[in-house]
Amino acid sequence: MVKKAPRRTAERILEVTLELFNRFGEPNVSTTLISAEMGISPGNLYYHYPAKDELINSLFDRYEKSLNELLNASDNVRDVEDAWFFMHTLFELIWQYRFLYRDLNDLLSKNRRLETHFQWVLKNKTQAVKALLDSMNRSGAIRMDSREMEPTATSMVVVLTYWLSFEYVKDPRNALEPASAQAALLRGAHHVLNLLVPYLEASQRNHLLKLVDAYGAPASH
């Protein structure tokens, strides 16, 4: 049996860093903690990532790449069921990099590159949601005046961007733990799509309610 080649140290550092950032929050994780968690010397860590910001930027680049790939599929959304799974997939990606959202304001205040790029993220999210609304409008799933699309898309992006912060404030001890993930993501998808209720065609509105019942988006505590 051929042994698998060991993963490159730089790759392992990013994986461990992401896990620690997600678990404890980026401000509470030092490079010393990361190197100790990996069982390597601080010098080895600095060889690959000379500053903590480089770790943050590398993780953000991965997130942004995956996000853009997902957002490109937004104009394929035709109905409530498509929209439900699109939003849930989007929340799953946000959850995977939840430290960015948990500590967003703090990160932006300290990292100029992240500040600039996150503005692009918001812009791209808004454009993708507008494409989703336009596609659903053309398919007859919703009835929305073109003048309503911009504010509706913006409202949906606000909920997308700050949902995990909202969950965290309500229950700081448990909200961002893995055991809470599925419930939090379902609630997020439900609340984003609930903004479309006034515009949904009747059968689509009923289908949204059925999806909520079927997937059990539980009420917040």
C-alpha atoms as a PDB file:
ATOM      1  CA  MET A   1       0.000   0.000   0.000  1.00  0.00           C
ATOM      2  CA  VAL A   2       1.441   3.356  -1.022  1.00  0.00           C
ATOM      3  CA  LYS A   3       1.600   5.847   1.807  1.00  0.00           C
ATOM      4  CA  LYS A   4       0.031   9.223   1.236  1.00  0.00           C
ATOM      5  CA  ALA A   5       2.512  12.040   1.025  1.00  0.00           C
ATOM      6  CA  PRO A   6       2.417  14.216   4.163  1.00  0.00           C
ATOM      7  CA  ARG A   7       0.475  17.427   3.734  1.00  0.00           C
ATOM      8  CA  ARG A   8       2.619  20.460   3.297  1.00  0.00           C
ATOM      9  CA  THR A   9       3.214  22.356   6.513  1.00  0.00           C
ATOM     10  CA  ALA A  10       1.805  25.594   5.076  1.00  0.00           C
ATOM     11  CA  GLU A  11      -1.470  23.835   4.285  1.00  0.00           C
ATOM     12  CA  ARG A  12      -1.709  22.282   7.733  1.00  0.00           C
ATOM     13  CA  ILE A  13      -1.019  25.645   9.345  1.00  0.00           C
ATOM     14  CA  LEU A  14      -3.991  27.173   7.538  1.00  0.00           C
ATOM     15  CA  GLU A  15      -6.295  24.319   8.502  1.00  0.00           C
ATOM     16  CA  VAL A  16      -5.338  24.497  12.171  1.00  0.00           C
ATOM     17  CA  THR A  17      -5.543  28.292  12.160  1.00  0.00           C
ATOM     18  CA  LEU A  18      -9.039  28.224  10.683  1.00  0.00           C
ATOM     19  CA  GLU A  19     -10.168  25.736  13.311  1.00  0.00           C
ATOM     20  CA  LEU A  20      -8.744  27.842  16.151  1.00  0.00           C
ATOM     21  CA  PHE A  21     -10.055  31.136  14.762  1.00  0.00           C
ATOM     22  CA  ASN A  22     -13.529  29.630  14.394  1.00  0.00           C
ATOM     23  CA  ARG A  23     -13.456  28.130  17.870  1.00  0.00           C
ATOM     24  CA  PHE A  24     -12.013  30.973  19.913  1.00  0.00           C
ATOM     25  CA  GLY A  25     -12.286  34.053  17.685  1.00  0.00           C
ATOM     26  CA  GLU A  26      -9.352  35.547  15.795  1.00  0.00           C
ATOM     27  CA  PRO A  27      -8.440  38.169  18.458  1.00  0.00           C
ATOM     28  CA  ASN A  28      -8.010  35.376  21.041  1.00  0.00           C
ATOM     29  CA  VAL A  29      -5.657  33.222  18.961  1.00  0.00           C
ATOM     30  CA  SER A  30      -1.948  34.037  18.879  1.00  0.00           C
ATOM     31  CA  THR A  31       0.656  32.650  16.520  1.00  0.00           C
ATOM     32  CA  THR A  32       2.226  31.044  19.618  1.00  0.00           C
ATOM     33  CA  LEU A  33      -1.011  29.150  20.246  1.00  0.00           C
ATOM     34  CA  ILE A  34      -1.157  28.043  16.615  1.00  0.00           C
ATOM     35  CA  SER A  35       2.407  26.706  16.641  1.00  0.00           C
ATOM     36  CA  ALA A  36       1.802  24.964  19.994  1.00  0.00           C
ATOM     37  CA  GLU A  37      -1.393  23.359  18.684  1.00  0.00           C
ATOM     38  CA  MET A  38       0.558  22.014  15.688  1.00  0.00           C
ATOM     39  CA  GLY A  39       3.589  20.948  17.686  1.00  0.00           C
ATOM     40  CA  ILE A  40       5.964  23.061  15.615  1.00  0.00           C
ATOM     41  CA  SER A  41       8.305  25.878  16.590  1.00  0.00           C
ATOM     42  CA  PRO A  42       7.210  29.511  16.239  1.00  0.00           C
ATOM     43  CA  GLY A  43      10.111  29.906  13.822  1.00  0.00           C
ATOM     44  CA  ASN A  44       8.683  27.218  11.557  1.00  0.00           C
ATOM     45  CA  LEU A  45       5.336  29.005  11.567  1.00  0.00           C
ATOM     46  CA  TYR A  46       6.958  32.378  10.817  1.00  0.00           C
ATOM     47  CA  TYR A  47       8.894  30.815   7.938  1.00  0.00           C
ATOM     48  CA  HIS A  48       5.590  30.118   6.180  1.00  0.00           C
ATOM     49  CA  TYR A  49       3.552  33.056   7.494  1.00  0.00           C
ATOM     50  CA  PRO A  50       5.731  35.863   8.892  1.00  0.00           C
ATOM     51  CA  ALA A  51       2.729  37.768  10.300  1.00  0.00           C
ATOM     52  CA  LYS A  52      -0.694  36.889  11.630  1.00  0.00           C
ATOM     53  CA  ASP A  53      -2.293  39.082   8.955  1.00  0.00           C
ATOM     54  CA  GLU A  54      -0.850  36.772   6.314  1.00  0.00           C
ATOM     55  CA  LEU A  55      -2.732  33.875   7.872  1.00  0.00           C
ATOM     56  CA  ILE A  56      -5.943  35.911   7.912  1.00  0.00           C
ATOM     57  CA  ASN A  57      -5.469  37.065   4.315  1.00  0.00           C
ATOM     58  CA  SER A  58      -4.717  33.553   3.069  1.00  0.00           C
ATOM     59  CA  LEU A  59      -7.877  32.193   4.691  1.00  0.00           C
ATOM     60  CA  PHE A  60      -9.908  35.091   3.352  1.00  0.00           C
ATOM     61  CA  ASP A  61      -8.582  34.464  -0.178  1.00  0.00           C
ATOM     62  CA  ARG A  62      -9.837  30.883   0.044  1.00  0.00           C
ATOM     63  CA  TYR A  63     -13.210  32.053   1.284  1.00  0.00           C
ATOM     64  CA  GLU A  64     -13.522  34.696  -1.437  1.00  0.00           C
ATOM     65  CA  LYS A  65     -12.653  32.194  -4.179  1.00  0.00           C
ATOM     66  CA  SER A  66     -15.268  29.690  -2.978  1.00  0.00           C
ATOM     67  CA  LEU A  67     -17.818  32.462  -2.506  1.00  0.00           C
ATOM     68  CA  ASN A  68     -17.398  33.803  -6.030  1.00  0.00           C
ATOM     69  CA  GLU A  69     -17.828  30.314  -7.476  1.00  0.00           C
ATOM     70  CA  LEU A  70     -21.071  29.913  -5.554  1.00  0.00           C
ATOM     71  CA  LEU A  71     -22.409  33.378  -6.358  1.00  0.00           C
ATOM     72  CA  ASN A  72     -21.925  32.713 -10.066  1.00  0.00           C
ATOM     73  CA  ALA A  73     -24.754  30.182  -9.813  1.00  0.00           C
ATOM     74  CA  SER A  74     -27.302  32.702  -8.518  1.00  0.00           C
ATOM     75  CA  ASP A  75     -28.924  33.352 -11.895  1.00  0.00           C
ATOM     76  CA  ASN A  76     -29.795  29.638 -12.128  1.00  0.00           C
ATOM     77  CA  VAL A  77     -32.250  30.015  -9.234  1.00  0.00           C
ATOM     78  CA  ARG A  78     -35.772  29.739 -10.617  1.00  0.00           C
ATOM     79  CA  ASP A  79     -38.046  29.104  -7.639  1.00  0.00           C
ATOM     80  CA  VAL A  80     -38.287  28.919  -3.853  1.00  0.00           C
ATOM     81  CA  GLU A  81     -36.733  25.469  -3.660  1.00  0.00           C
ATOM     82  CA  ASP A  82     -33.707  26.572  -5.698  1.00  0.00           C
ATOM     83  CA  ALA A  83     -33.427  29.686  -3.541  1.00  0.00           C
ATOM     84  CA  TRP A  84     -33.663  27.663  -0.320  1.00  0.00           C
ATOM     85  CA  PHE A  85     -30.760  25.398  -1.268  1.00  0.00           C
ATOM     86  CA  PHE A  86     -28.726  28.285  -2.666  1.00  0.00           C
ATOM     87  CA  MET A  87     -29.060  30.244   0.583  1.00  0.00           C
ATOM     88  CA  HIS A  88     -28.348  27.218   2.731  1.00  0.00           C
ATOM     89  CA  THR A  89     -25.197  26.473   0.719  1.00  0.00           C
ATOM     90  CA  LEU A  90     -24.159  30.093   1.094  1.00  0.00           C
ATOM     91  CA  PHE A  91     -24.666  29.937   4.856  1.00  0.00           C
ATOM     92  CA  GLU A  92     -22.647  26.709   4.996  1.00  0.00           C
ATOM     93  CA  LEU A  93     -19.723  28.507   3.382  1.00  0.00           C
ATOM     94  CA  ILE A  94     -20.089  31.443   5.763  1.00  0.00           C
ATOM     95  CA  TRP A  95     -20.126  28.953   8.646  1.00  0.00           C
ATOM     96  CA  GLN A  96     -16.945  27.317   7.387  1.00  0.00           C
ATOM     97  CA  TYR A  97     -15.200  30.701   7.708  1.00  0.00           C
ATOM     98  CA  ARG A  98     -17.328  32.025  10.549  1.00  0.00           C
ATOM     99  CA  PHE A  99     -14.456  33.759  12.322  1.00  0.00           C
ATOM    100  CA  LEU A 100     -14.593  36.404   9.585  1.00  0.00           C
ATOM    101  CA  TYR A 101     -18.188  37.215  10.485  1.00  0.00           C
ATOM    102  CA  ARG A 102     -17.865  36.724  14.222  1.00  0.00           C
ATOM    103  CA  ASP A 103     -15.042  39.278  14.426  1.00  0.00           C
ATOM    104  CA  LEU A 104     -15.819  41.271  11.294  1.00  0.00           C
ATOM    105  CA  ASN A 105     -15.669  44.829  12.637  1.00  0.00           C
ATOM    106  CA  ASP A 106     -12.506  44.121  14.599  1.00  0.00           C
ATOM    107  CA  LEU A 107     -10.816  42.499  11.599  1.00  0.00           C
ATOM    108  CA  LEU A 108     -11.728  45.338   9.244  1.00  0.00           C
ATOM    109  CA  SER A 109     -10.414  47.959  11.646  1.00  0.00           C
ATOM    110  CA  LYS A 110      -6.988  46.258  11.746  1.00  0.00           C
ATOM    111  CA  ASN A 111      -6.539  44.961   8.223  1.00  0.00           C
ATOM    112  CA  ARG A 112      -6.729  47.394   5.315  1.00  0.00           C
ATOM    113  CA  ARG A 113      -6.609  44.663   2.662  1.00  0.00           C
ATOM    114  CA  LEU A 114      -9.505  42.844   4.282  1.00  0.00           C
ATOM    115  CA  GLU A 115     -11.446  46.094   4.557  1.00  0.00           C
ATOM    116  CA  THR A 116     -11.145  46.676   0.816  1.00  0.00           C
ATOM    117  CA  HIS A 117     -11.872  43.097  -0.187  1.00  0.00           C
ATOM    118  CA  PHE A 118     -14.867  42.732   2.081  1.00  0.00           C
ATOM    119  CA  GLN A 119     -16.434  45.726   0.361  1.00  0.00           C
ATOM    120  CA  TRP A 120     -16.105  43.722  -2.862  1.00  0.00           C
ATOM    121  CA  VAL A 121     -17.674  40.734  -1.120  1.00  0.00           C
ATOM    122  CA  LEU A 122     -20.720  42.809  -0.170  1.00  0.00           C
ATOM    123  CA  LYS A 123     -20.971  44.199  -3.685  1.00  0.00           C
ATOM    124  CA  ASN A 124     -20.711  40.737  -5.238  1.00  0.00           C
ATOM    125  CA  LYS A 125     -23.265  39.297  -2.815  1.00  0.00           C
ATOM    126  CA  THR A 126     -25.709  42.096  -3.643  1.00  0.00           C
ATOM    127  CA  GLN A 127     -25.252  41.646  -7.397  1.00  0.00           C
ATOM    128  CA  ALA A 128     -25.765  37.889  -7.046  1.00  0.00           C
ATOM    129  CA  VAL A 129     -28.943  38.300  -4.992  1.00  0.00           C
ATOM    130  CA  LYS A 130     -30.276  40.799  -7.549  1.00  0.00           C
ATOM    131  CA  ALA A 131     -29.576  38.226 -10.275  1.00  0.00           C
ATOM    132  CA  LEU A 132     -31.443  35.636  -8.193  1.00  0.00           C
ATOM    133  CA  LEU A 133     -34.436  37.968  -7.805  1.00  0.00           C
ATOM    134  CA  ASP A 134     -34.432  38.790 -11.489  1.00  0.00           C
ATOM    135  CA  SER A 135     -34.351  35.101 -12.393  1.00  0.00           C
ATOM    136  CA  MET A 136     -37.223  34.286 -10.005  1.00  0.00           C
ATOM    137  CA  ASN A 137     -39.164  37.265 -11.354  1.00  0.00           C
ATOM    138  CA  ARG A 138     -38.756  36.072 -14.950  1.00  0.00           C
ATOM    139  CA  SER A 139     -39.842  32.538 -14.019  1.00  0.00           C
ATOM    140  CA  GLY A 140     -42.975  33.828 -12.283  1.00  0.00           C
ATOM    141  CA  ALA A 141     -41.999  32.650  -8.790  1.00  0.00           C
ATOM    142  CA  ILE A 142     -42.130  36.240  -7.534  1.00  0.00           C
ATOM    143  CA  ARG A 143     -43.735  39.430  -8.729  1.00  0.00           C
ATOM    144  CA  MET A 144     -41.434  42.343  -8.029  1.00  0.00           C
ATOM    145  CA  ASP A 145     -41.089  45.754  -9.588  1.00  0.00           C
ATOM    146  CA  SER A 146     -37.525  46.373 -10.778  1.00  0.00           C
ATOM    147  CA  ARG A 147     -37.370  49.353  -8.408  1.00  0.00           C
ATOM    148  CA  GLU A 148     -37.900  47.008  -5.454  1.00  0.00           C
ATOM    149  CA  MET A 149     -35.024  44.710  -6.304  1.00  0.00           C
ATOM    150  CA  GLU A 150     -32.137  46.859  -5.055  1.00  0.00           C
ATOM    151  CA  PRO A 151     -33.518  47.478  -1.530  1.00  0.00           C
ATOM    152  CA  THR A 152     -34.746  43.883  -1.222  1.00  0.00           C
ATOM    153  CA  ALA A 153     -31.365  42.508  -2.299  1.00  0.00           C
ATOM    154  CA  THR A 154     -29.614  44.817   0.159  1.00  0.00           C
ATOM    155  CA  SER A 155     -31.868  43.682   3.014  1.00  0.00           C
ATOM    156  CA  MET A 156     -31.181  40.049   2.170  1.00  0.00           C
ATOM    157  CA  VAL A 157     -27.423  40.673   2.137  1.00  0.00           C
ATOM    158  CA  VAL A 158     -27.606  42.426   5.518  1.00  0.00           C
ATOM    159  CA  VAL A 159     -29.266  39.355   7.034  1.00  0.00           C
ATOM    160  CA  LEU A 160     -26.748  37.060   5.307  1.00  0.00           C
ATOM    161  CA  THR A 161     -23.800  39.077   6.569  1.00  0.00           C
ATOM    162  CA  TYR A 162     -24.871  39.610  10.174  1.00  0.00           C
ATOM    163  CA  TRP A 163     -26.931  36.507  10.918  1.00  0.00           C
ATOM    164  CA  LEU A 164     -24.156  34.671  12.763  1.00  0.00           C
ATOM    165  CA  SER A 165     -23.395  37.811  14.790  1.00  0.00           C
ATOM    166  CA  PHE A 166     -27.066  37.926  15.762  1.00  0.00           C
ATOM    167  CA  GLU A 167     -26.962  34.250  16.796  1.00  0.00           C
ATOM    168  CA  TYR A 168     -23.757  34.849  18.760  1.00  0.00           C
ATOM    169  CA  VAL A 169     -25.119  37.823  20.700  1.00  0.00           C
ATOM    170  CA  LYS A 170     -28.166  35.793  21.746  1.00  0.00           C
ATOM    171  CA  ASP A 171     -26.146  32.811  22.950  1.00  0.00           C
ATOM    172  CA  PRO A 172     -22.403  33.531  23.117  1.00  0.00           C
ATOM    173  CA  ARG A 173     -21.512  30.209  24.738  1.00  0.00           C
ATOM    174  CA  ASN A 174     -23.159  27.932  22.226  1.00  0.00           C
ATOM    175  CA  ALA A 175     -24.171  29.770  19.040  1.00  0.00           C
ATOM    176  CA  LEU A 176     -20.973  29.219  17.063  1.00  0.00           C
ATOM    177  CA  GLU A 177     -20.242  25.694  18.280  1.00  0.00           C
ATOM    178  CA  PRO A 178     -20.464  22.914  15.663  1.00  0.00           C
ATOM    179  CA  ALA A 179     -23.447  21.323  17.426  1.00  0.00           C
ATOM    180  CA  SER A 180     -25.444  24.499  16.784  1.00  0.00           C
ATOM    181  CA  ALA A 181     -24.490  24.849  13.128  1.00  0.00           C
ATOM    182  CA  GLN A 182     -27.383  23.167  11.356  1.00  0.00           C
ATOM    183  CA  ALA A 183     -30.075  24.942  13.361  1.00  0.00           C
ATOM    184  CA  ALA A 184     -28.393  28.334  12.960  1.00  0.00           C
ATOM    185  CA  LEU A 185     -27.963  27.912   9.198  1.00  0.00           C
ATOM    186  CA  LEU A 186     -31.563  26.801   8.698  1.00  0.00           C
ATOM    187  CA  ARG A 187     -32.812  29.783  10.678  1.00  0.00           C
ATOM    188  CA  GLY A 188     -30.621  32.073   8.600  1.00  0.00           C
ATOM    189  CA  ALA A 189     -31.853  30.690   5.270  1.00  0.00           C
ATOM    190  CA  HIS A 190     -35.450  30.941   6.479  1.00  0.00           C
ATOM    191  CA  HIS A 191     -35.152  34.564   7.570  1.00  0.00           C
ATOM    192  CA  VAL A 192     -33.405  35.646   4.371  1.00  0.00           C
ATOM    193  CA  LEU A 193     -36.099  34.060   2.212  1.00  0.00           C
ATOM    194  CA  ASN A 194     -38.874  35.307   4.464  1.00  0.00           C
ATOM    195  CA  LEU A 195     -38.083  38.773   3.075  1.00  0.00           C
ATOM    196  CA  LEU A 196     -39.534  37.529  -0.218  1.00  0.00           C
ATOM    197  CA  VAL A 197     -42.907  36.496   1.224  1.00  0.00           C
ATOM    198  CA  PRO A 198     -44.749  39.681   0.084  1.00  0.00           C
ATOM    199  CA  TYR A 199     -43.594  39.027  -3.481  1.00  0.00           C
ATOM    200  CA  LEU A 200     -44.022  35.248  -3.733  1.00  0.00           C
ATOM    201  CA  GLU A 201     -46.662  33.703  -5.941  1.00  0.00           C
ATOM    202  CA  ALA A 202     -49.193  31.844  -3.726  1.00  0.00           C
ATOM    203  CA  SER A 203     -47.995  28.304  -4.474  1.00  0.00           C
ATOM    204  CA  GLN A 204     -44.388  29.413  -3.931  1.00  0.00           C
ATOM    205  CA  ARG A 205     -45.290  30.924  -0.562  1.00  0.00           C
ATOM    206  CA  ASN A 206     -46.895  27.641   0.454  1.00  0.00           C
ATOM    207  CA  HIS A 207     -43.851  25.735  -0.748  1.00  0.00           C
ATOM    208  CA  LEU A 208     -41.564  27.912   1.374  1.00  0.00           C
ATOM    209  CA  LEU A 209     -43.642  27.058   4.449  1.00  0.00           C
ATOM    210  CA  LYS A 210     -43.407  23.369   3.570  1.00  0.00           C
ATOM    211  CA  LEU A 211     -39.623  23.633   3.248  1.00  0.00           C
ATOM    212  CA  VAL A 212     -39.388  25.294   6.643  1.00  0.00           C
ATOM    213  CA  ASP A 213     -41.505  22.495   8.160  1.00  0.00           C
ATOM    214  CA  ALA A 214     -39.618  19.757   6.332  1.00  0.00           C
ATOM    215  CA  TYR A 215     -36.152  20.950   7.269  1.00  0.00           C
ATOM    216  CA  GLY A 216     -37.194  22.058  10.709  1.00  0.00           C
ATOM    217  CA  ALA A 217     -35.724  25.549  10.896  1.00  0.00           C
ATOM    218  CA  PRO A 218     -36.180  25.765  14.673  1.00  0.00           C
ATOM    219  CA  ALA A 219     -37.121  28.957  16.457  1.00  0.00           C
ATOM    220  CA  SER A 220     -34.362  30.894  18.165  1.00  0.00           C
ATOM    221  CA  HIS A 221     -34.019  30.431  21.895  1.00  0.00           C
END
